[in-house]
Amino acid sequence: MKISRIARIGAVGAVAALALAGCAANEGGTGGSTDAPSESTLSGTIEATGASSQEAAQQSWVAAFQTANPDTTVNYTATGSGTGRENFIAGSSNFIGSDRAFDADELAAGGFGSCTSDDIVEIPVYISPVAVAFNLEGIDELNLDGQTIAKIFSGAITNWNDAAIASQNEGVELPDQAIVPVHRADASGTQETFTKYLSAVAPDVWTYEASDEWPLSTGEAGDGTSGVVDAITNGVGYIGFADASRTADLGQVAVEVEGEYVAYSAEAAAALVEASPLEEGRSDHDLAYAVDPAAAPAGSYPIALVSYLIGCVEYDDAETAGLVKAYFQYVASAEGQDAAAEAAGSAPISDSLREQINTAIDAIVTE
């Protein structure tokens, strides 16, 4: 089962996407011509690290932005969210991608070395389902509820023909084969999204707090999204979780919500996020969602990743500030979101959220 792709709104072509990038960058000093994006006056290099879930989207964003602004370079390295946040605090990344926003304690501690103040911008620009993917010969889809998924990853269910799995999959010939659960070896926002789901829907089974680090020593660990996907791909009987854009060739789990089994899709992930409030107590330029998988509405997919771009309100260099601001504006644009949807199967943000995001981006000081 392949992830559904979001239809593009109108006839959005590459030229339109590049034109938008040039227009969006005006505050950073680029020329506003929609016919000649090469007239951009932006120049310089910005360094970024972070979420591997964003990798395919980032490749499309960077290519379009650099084409529209040929004297710029955006270096995004998929290190994983945890390393990205560490780099931002250390001052080695001008902006980062992260599969979670900084939490209240981290914000209170401050000390973001990339910034000249502790005031930061956090914008949700990549919404994607986290797929529960497996490798079983002759089986492409399985239905599982949260309790069963939690028991598999906690080690309480160890064989594929277990009664709890069989009862939800009538007519499927399950093998008498050991289950090998795969998790992330690195600190990962995708992992935190998944463990948050487990602790929310099956707290009696998954007794650990949501965390970007795996709490158990059992199972197999994969380095980054690629490591998890490679392990499942190469191991019959393996099951794991990863950004859905990377799992299209694997077996997929439809997850129980309100008595129905929901297959992952960008639309179903967006439905979960749209039903969620923003976290309270944050600034107008810190847009962190409070997603509760246990409150997932019918028809939504309950394991949805909300991934962020995080930058400074104030940089010590105006050129860096202008580049980050212009890049964030392109990523949040309708064209940038459509590019990510085509490249990675993510869910484009809504127009109302885009308005909030653009207001947040406006907080970046460029003079």
Protein backbone atom coordinates (compact mmCIF):
# COMPACT_ATOMS: atom_id res chain seq x y z
CA MET A 1 0.00 0.00 0.00
CA LYS A 2 1.53 3.29 -1.02
CA ILE A 3 0.98 6.58 0.73
CA SER A 4 -1.67 8.72 -0.91
CA ARG A 5 -0.42 11.84 -2.57
CA ILE A 6 -2.09 15.19 -2.05
CA ALA A 7 -3.43 16.64 -5.27
CA ARG A 8 -1.83 19.92 -6.14
CA ILE A 9 -4.02 23.00 -5.80
CA GLY A 10 -4.44 24.41 -9.29
CA ALA A 11 -1.79 24.07 -11.92
CA VAL A 12 1.27 24.56 -9.77
CA GLY A 13 4.42 24.06 -11.79
CA ALA A 14 8.08 24.40 -11.07
CA VAL A 15 8.17 27.96 -12.41
CA ALA A 16 5.41 29.02 -10.04
CA ALA A 17 7.16 27.45 -7.10
CA LEU A 18 10.39 29.23 -7.88
CA ALA A 19 8.60 32.51 -8.43
CA LEU A 20 6.98 32.25 -5.02
CA ALA A 21 10.35 31.63 -3.46
CA GLY A 22 11.67 34.82 -5.00
CA CYS A 23 8.64 36.84 -3.89
CA ALA A 24 8.63 35.43 -0.38
CA ALA A 25 12.23 36.40 0.06
CA ASN A 26 11.60 40.12 -0.53
CA GLU A 27 12.02 41.05 3.12
CA GLY A 28 15.43 39.46 3.03
CA GLY A 29 16.42 41.61 0.06
CA THR A 30 15.53 39.54 -2.98
CA GLY A 31 14.11 41.04 -6.14
CA GLY A 32 10.36 40.62 -6.57
CA SER A 33 10.27 39.61 -10.24
CA THR A 34 8.14 36.53 -10.84
CA ASP A 35 9.61 36.14 -14.33
CA ALA A 36 13.27 36.11 -13.43
CA PRO A 37 14.02 34.44 -10.11
CA SER A 38 17.72 34.79 -10.97
CA GLU A 39 17.36 38.51 -10.09
CA SER A 40 17.30 37.60 -6.42
CA THR A 41 19.68 39.71 -4.35
CA LEU A 42 19.91 37.15 -1.57
CA SER A 43 23.34 35.63 -1.07
CA GLY A 44 25.20 33.58 1.48
CA THR A 45 25.11 30.18 3.14
CA ILE A 46 23.06 28.82 6.02
CA GLU A 47 23.72 25.58 7.84
CA ALA A 48 21.00 23.31 9.19
CA THR A 49 20.71 19.89 10.77
CA GLY A 50 17.89 17.84 12.25
CA ALA A 51 14.95 15.60 11.51
CA SER A 52 15.59 12.78 9.07
CA SER A 53 11.82 12.58 8.54
CA GLN A 54 12.06 15.88 6.66
CA GLU A 55 14.89 14.74 4.40
CA ALA A 56 12.90 14.20 1.18
CA ALA A 57 10.93 17.40 1.73
CA GLN A 58 14.08 19.35 2.52
CA GLN A 59 15.70 18.18 -0.69
CA SER A 60 12.79 19.56 -2.71
CA TRP A 61 12.65 22.80 -0.71
CA VAL A 62 16.38 23.43 -0.96
CA ALA A 63 16.48 22.75 -4.70
CA ALA A 64 13.64 25.18 -5.43
CA PHE A 65 14.95 27.87 -3.09
CA GLN A 66 18.48 27.76 -4.45
CA THR A 67 17.24 27.85 -8.04
CA ALA A 68 15.20 30.95 -7.26
CA ASN A 69 18.12 32.45 -5.35
CA PRO A 70 21.25 31.24 -7.18
CA ASP A 71 23.72 33.01 -4.89
CA THR A 72 22.46 31.16 -1.83
CA THR A 73 23.34 27.80 -0.33
CA VAL A 74 21.21 25.92 2.17
CA ASN A 75 23.00 22.93 3.69
CA TYR A 76 20.55 20.61 5.46
CA THR A 77 22.01 17.45 7.01
CA ALA A 78 19.60 14.82 8.34
CA THR A 79 21.16 14.06 11.72
CA GLY A 80 17.98 13.21 13.62
CA SER A 81 15.95 15.65 15.69
CA GLY A 82 17.85 15.18 18.93
CA THR A 83 21.20 16.00 17.37
CA GLY A 84 19.61 18.93 15.56
CA ARG A 85 18.39 20.44 18.83
CA GLU A 86 21.81 19.91 20.40
CA ASN A 87 23.44 21.66 17.45
CA PHE A 88 21.04 24.60 17.72
CA ILE A 89 21.87 25.01 21.41
CA ALA A 90 25.59 24.68 20.63
CA GLY A 91 25.36 27.30 17.90
CA SER A 92 26.52 25.14 14.98
CA SER A 93 23.20 25.23 13.07
CA ASN A 94 21.54 28.44 11.89
CA PHE A 95 18.19 26.66 11.94
CA ILE A 96 17.04 23.11 12.49
CA GLY A 97 14.32 20.64 11.64
CA SER A 98 12.84 18.86 14.64
CA ASP A 99 10.06 16.34 15.08
CA ARG A 100 9.11 18.09 18.29
CA ALA A 101 9.26 21.63 19.54
CA PHE A 102 11.50 22.56 22.46
CA ASP A 103 9.60 21.80 25.67
CA ALA A 104 8.83 24.27 28.45
CA ASP A 105 11.90 23.35 30.53
CA GLU A 106 14.21 23.70 27.54
CA LEU A 107 12.70 27.06 26.66
CA ALA A 108 13.11 28.26 30.25
CA ALA A 109 16.75 27.16 30.28
CA GLY A 110 17.45 29.08 27.08
CA GLY A 111 21.06 29.29 25.98
CA PHE A 112 20.41 28.81 22.26
CA GLY A 113 23.89 29.42 20.91
CA SER A 114 22.64 30.04 17.40
CA CYS A 115 20.72 33.12 18.61
CA THR A 116 21.60 36.43 20.23
CA SER A 117 18.60 36.08 22.56
CA ASP A 118 16.57 33.21 24.01
CA ASP A 119 13.58 34.10 21.82
CA ILE A 120 13.02 31.54 19.06
CA VAL A 121 10.63 30.81 16.20
CA GLU A 122 9.09 27.32 15.96
CA ILE A 123 6.76 26.62 13.03
CA PRO A 124 5.02 23.34 12.10
CA VAL A 125 5.64 22.88 8.38
CA TYR A 126 5.79 19.11 7.90
CA ILE A 127 2.80 16.97 8.92
CA SER A 128 3.08 13.29 8.10
CA PRO A 129 1.81 9.93 9.33
CA VAL A 130 4.23 7.69 11.18
CA ALA A 131 3.70 4.28 9.64
CA VAL A 132 3.87 1.01 11.55
CA ALA A 133 5.59 -1.10 8.91
CA PHE A 134 6.46 -4.78 8.79
CA ASN A 135 8.02 -7.47 6.62
CA LEU A 136 6.06 -10.73 6.30
CA GLU A 137 6.09 -12.86 3.18
CA GLY A 138 2.79 -12.68 1.31
CA ILE A 139 1.15 -10.18 3.70
CA ASP A 140 0.81 -6.52 2.71
CA GLU A 141 -1.64 -5.20 5.33
CA LEU A 142 -2.63 -5.97 8.90
CA ASN A 143 -5.17 -4.50 11.31
CA LEU A 144 -3.94 -3.79 14.83
CA ASP A 145 -5.30 -1.86 17.79
CA GLY A 146 -3.21 0.19 20.18
CA GLN A 147 -3.08 -2.47 22.88
CA THR A 148 -1.67 -5.03 20.45
CA ILE A 149 0.88 -2.61 19.01
CA ALA A 150 2.02 -1.72 22.54
CA LYS A 151 2.35 -5.40 23.47
CA ILE A 152 4.43 -6.08 20.35
CA PHE A 153 6.88 -3.28 21.04
CA SER A 154 7.04 -3.94 24.80
CA GLY A 155 7.79 -7.61 24.18
CA ALA A 156 4.54 -9.00 25.61
CA ILE A 157 3.61 -10.44 22.20
CA THR A 158 6.50 -12.26 20.55
CA ASN A 159 5.05 -14.34 17.71
CA TRP A 160 3.14 -13.32 14.59
CA ASN A 161 0.41 -15.95 15.00
CA ASP A 162 -0.48 -14.69 18.48
CA ALA A 163 -4.23 -14.79 19.15
CA ALA A 164 -4.41 -11.02 19.65
CA ILE A 165 -3.11 -10.43 16.12
CA ALA A 166 -5.11 -13.26 14.55
CA SER A 167 -8.41 -12.08 16.05
CA GLN A 168 -8.11 -8.75 14.24
CA ASN A 169 -7.11 -10.28 10.91
CA GLU A 170 -9.57 -13.00 9.94
CA GLY A 171 -8.60 -14.82 6.79
CA VAL A 172 -4.94 -13.83 7.02
CA GLU A 173 -2.58 -16.78 7.33
CA LEU A 174 -0.16 -15.57 9.96
CA PRO A 175 3.18 -17.39 10.20
CA ASP A 176 4.53 -19.14 13.27
CA GLN A 177 7.43 -16.74 13.33
CA ALA A 178 9.17 -14.60 15.92
CA ILE A 179 8.48 -10.87 15.93
CA VAL A 180 11.51 -8.58 15.88
CA PRO A 181 10.54 -5.00 16.81
CA VAL A 182 12.80 -2.24 15.50
CA HIS A 183 13.27 1.17 17.11
CA ARG A 184 15.55 4.15 16.64
CA ALA A 185 19.07 4.02 18.06
CA ASP A 186 19.29 7.82 18.11
CA ALA A 187 17.18 10.42 19.90
CA SER A 188 14.31 10.98 17.50
CA GLY A 189 11.15 13.04 17.38
CA THR A 190 9.57 10.29 15.30
CA GLN A 191 10.30 7.92 18.17
CA GLU A 192 8.78 10.38 20.64
CA THR A 193 5.66 10.62 18.44
CA PHE A 194 5.35 6.84 18.47
CA THR A 195 5.98 6.37 22.21
CA LYS A 196 3.52 9.18 22.92
CA TYR A 197 0.92 7.19 20.98
CA LEU A 198 1.68 4.01 22.94
CA SER A 199 1.53 5.69 26.34
CA ALA A 200 -1.69 7.53 25.41
CA VAL A 201 -3.71 4.59 24.08
CA ALA A 202 -2.28 1.69 26.11
CA PRO A 203 -0.92 3.06 29.39
CA ASP A 204 -1.50 -0.23 31.17
CA VAL A 205 0.81 -1.98 28.68
CA TRP A 206 3.25 0.78 27.74
CA THR A 207 4.17 2.06 31.18
CA TYR A 208 6.95 4.36 30.00
CA GLU A 209 6.72 8.09 29.39
CA ALA A 210 6.82 9.46 25.88
CA SER A 211 10.46 9.97 24.97
CA ASP A 212 12.71 10.51 21.98
CA GLU A 213 14.96 7.78 23.41
CA TRP A 214 13.86 4.13 23.42
CA PRO A 215 13.34 2.90 27.01
CA LEU A 216 13.98 -0.81 26.41
CA SER A 217 17.11 -2.80 25.62
CA THR A 218 15.18 -5.45 23.67
CA GLY A 219 14.52 -5.45 19.94
CA GLU A 220 16.78 -4.09 17.23
CA ALA A 221 17.97 -0.51 16.91
CA GLY A 222 18.33 1.33 13.62
CA ASP A 223 20.35 4.49 13.13
CA GLY A 224 18.02 7.19 11.79
CA THR A 225 14.97 6.63 9.61
CA SER A 226 17.08 4.87 7.00
CA GLY A 227 18.46 2.44 9.56
CA VAL A 228 14.99 1.45 10.75
CA VAL A 229 13.64 1.03 7.21
CA ASP A 230 16.69 -0.97 6.13
CA ALA A 231 16.38 -3.30 9.12
CA ILE A 232 12.71 -4.04 8.38
CA THR A 233 13.35 -4.42 4.66
CA ASN A 234 16.13 -6.93 5.23
CA GLY A 235 14.52 -8.87 8.07
CA VAL A 236 11.52 -11.14 7.60
CA GLY A 237 9.39 -10.96 10.74
CA TYR A 238 10.56 -7.45 11.57
CA ILE A 239 8.25 -4.55 12.47
CA GLY A 240 9.05 -0.92 13.19
CA PHE A 241 7.90 2.66 12.81
CA ALA A 242 9.09 5.43 10.50
CA ASP A 243 7.92 8.45 8.58
CA ALA A 244 5.44 7.02 6.09
CA SER A 245 7.20 8.59 3.12
CA ARG A 246 9.98 6.03 3.58
CA THR A 247 7.90 2.85 4.04
CA ALA A 248 5.86 2.51 0.84
CA ASP A 249 7.52 -0.80 -0.12
CA LEU A 250 6.81 -2.48 3.23
CA GLY A 251 3.74 -4.08 4.75
CA GLN A 252 1.50 -1.55 6.51
CA VAL A 253 -0.59 -1.58 9.68
CA ALA A 254 -4.06 -0.02 9.71
CA VAL A 255 -4.52 1.33 13.24
CA GLU A 256 -7.78 1.07 15.19
CA VAL A 257 -9.56 4.37 15.93
CA GLU A 258 -13.09 4.53 17.31
CA GLY A 259 -13.79 0.91 16.35
CA GLU A 260 -12.50 1.21 12.76
CA TYR A 261 -9.09 0.45 11.29
CA VAL A 262 -7.55 3.48 9.61
CA ALA A 263 -4.77 3.13 7.07
CA TYR A 264 -2.22 5.90 7.06
CA SER A 265 -2.62 8.78 4.66
CA ALA A 266 -1.63 12.41 4.64
CA GLU A 267 -5.28 13.43 4.89
CA ALA A 268 -5.91 11.20 7.92
CA ALA A 269 -2.80 12.53 9.67
CA ALA A 270 -3.86 16.11 8.98
CA ALA A 271 -7.28 15.36 10.50
CA LEU A 272 -5.62 14.44 13.81
CA VAL A 273 -3.51 17.58 13.87
CA GLU A 274 -6.37 19.87 12.86
CA ALA A 275 -8.39 18.55 15.80
CA SER A 276 -5.54 19.40 18.20
CA PRO A 277 -4.97 22.70 20.01
CA LEU A 278 -1.77 24.70 20.12
CA GLU A 279 0.11 24.40 23.42
CA GLU A 280 -0.70 27.16 25.88
CA GLY A 281 1.78 29.58 27.33
CA ARG A 282 3.87 30.07 24.20
CA SER A 283 4.54 33.19 22.19
CA ASP A 284 2.81 34.05 18.91
CA HIS A 285 5.94 32.91 17.06
CA ASP A 286 6.20 29.57 18.89
CA LEU A 287 3.52 27.34 17.35
CA ALA A 288 3.70 23.95 19.06
CA TYR A 289 0.75 21.55 18.76
CA ALA A 290 -0.60 19.58 21.73
CA VAL A 291 -1.52 16.37 19.89
CA ASP A 292 -3.35 13.72 21.94
CA PRO A 293 -3.49 10.36 20.13
CA ALA A 294 -6.06 9.07 22.62
CA ALA A 295 -8.45 11.80 21.47
CA ALA A 296 -8.07 11.01 17.77
CA PRO A 297 -11.41 11.61 16.00
CA ALA A 298 -13.00 8.92 13.85
CA GLY A 299 -11.36 8.63 10.46
CA SER A 300 -8.10 10.22 11.57
CA TYR A 301 -4.76 8.43 11.77
CA PRO A 302 -3.60 8.53 15.40
CA ILE A 303 0.19 8.45 14.91
CA ALA A 304 0.92 11.74 13.19
CA LEU A 305 4.22 13.52 13.15
CA VAL A 306 4.22 17.30 13.44
CA SER A 307 7.71 18.39 12.46
CA TYR A 308 9.03 21.90 12.90
CA LEU A 309 11.48 24.39 11.53
CA ILE A 310 13.17 26.20 14.40
CA GLY A 311 15.15 29.40 14.10
CA CYS A 312 16.12 32.52 16.02
CA VAL A 313 14.19 35.73 16.39
CA GLU A 314 17.55 37.52 16.45
CA TYR A 315 20.80 36.52 14.75
CA ASP A 316 24.12 38.28 15.07
CA ASP A 317 24.32 38.52 11.29
CA ALA A 318 21.66 40.25 9.15
CA GLU A 319 22.51 38.16 6.08
CA THR A 320 21.88 34.93 7.99
CA ALA A 321 18.62 36.30 9.39
CA GLY A 322 17.42 37.30 5.91
CA LEU A 323 18.26 33.90 4.44
CA VAL A 324 16.56 31.95 7.23
CA LYS A 325 13.49 34.18 7.02
CA ALA A 326 13.21 33.86 3.24
CA TYR A 327 13.70 30.09 3.39
CA PHE A 328 11.03 29.68 6.08
CA GLN A 329 8.63 31.79 3.99
CA TYR A 330 9.13 29.55 0.96
CA VAL A 331 8.72 26.33 2.94
CA ALA A 332 5.43 27.58 4.43
CA SER A 333 4.08 28.80 1.09
CA ALA A 334 1.42 26.85 -0.80
CA GLU A 335 3.98 25.98 -3.45
CA GLY A 336 6.53 24.84 -0.90
CA GLN A 337 3.95 22.69 0.83
CA ASP A 338 2.83 21.17 -2.47
CA ALA A 339 6.46 20.39 -3.31
CA ALA A 340 6.84 18.51 -0.01
CA ALA A 341 3.56 16.67 -0.58
CA GLU A 342 4.80 15.42 -3.94
CA ALA A 343 8.29 14.55 -2.72
CA ALA A 344 7.39 13.03 0.64
CA GLY A 345 3.63 12.48 0.84
CA SER A 346 3.18 14.98 3.66
CA ALA A 347 -0.02 16.91 4.33
CA PRO A 348 0.06 20.56 3.23
CA ILE A 349 -0.75 22.99 6.01
CA SER A 350 -4.10 24.80 5.93
CA ASP A 351 -4.46 28.42 4.85
CA SER A 352 -5.40 29.47 8.39
CA LEU A 353 -2.31 27.81 9.85
CA ARG A 354 -0.20 29.43 7.10
CA GLU A 355 -1.39 32.85 8.29
CA GLN A 356 -0.24 32.05 11.83
CA ILE A 357 3.07 30.71 10.55
CA ASN A 358 3.75 33.79 8.42
CA THR A 359 3.08 35.98 11.44
CA ALA A 360 5.59 33.89 13.40
CA ILE A 361 8.20 34.20 10.64
CA ASP A 362 7.73 37.96 10.60
CA ALA A 363 9.21 38.01 14.11
CA ILE A 364 12.68 37.24 12.67
CA VAL A 365 14.67 40.47 12.81
CA THR A 366 16.56 41.20 9.58
CA GLU A 367 17.92 44.68 10.30
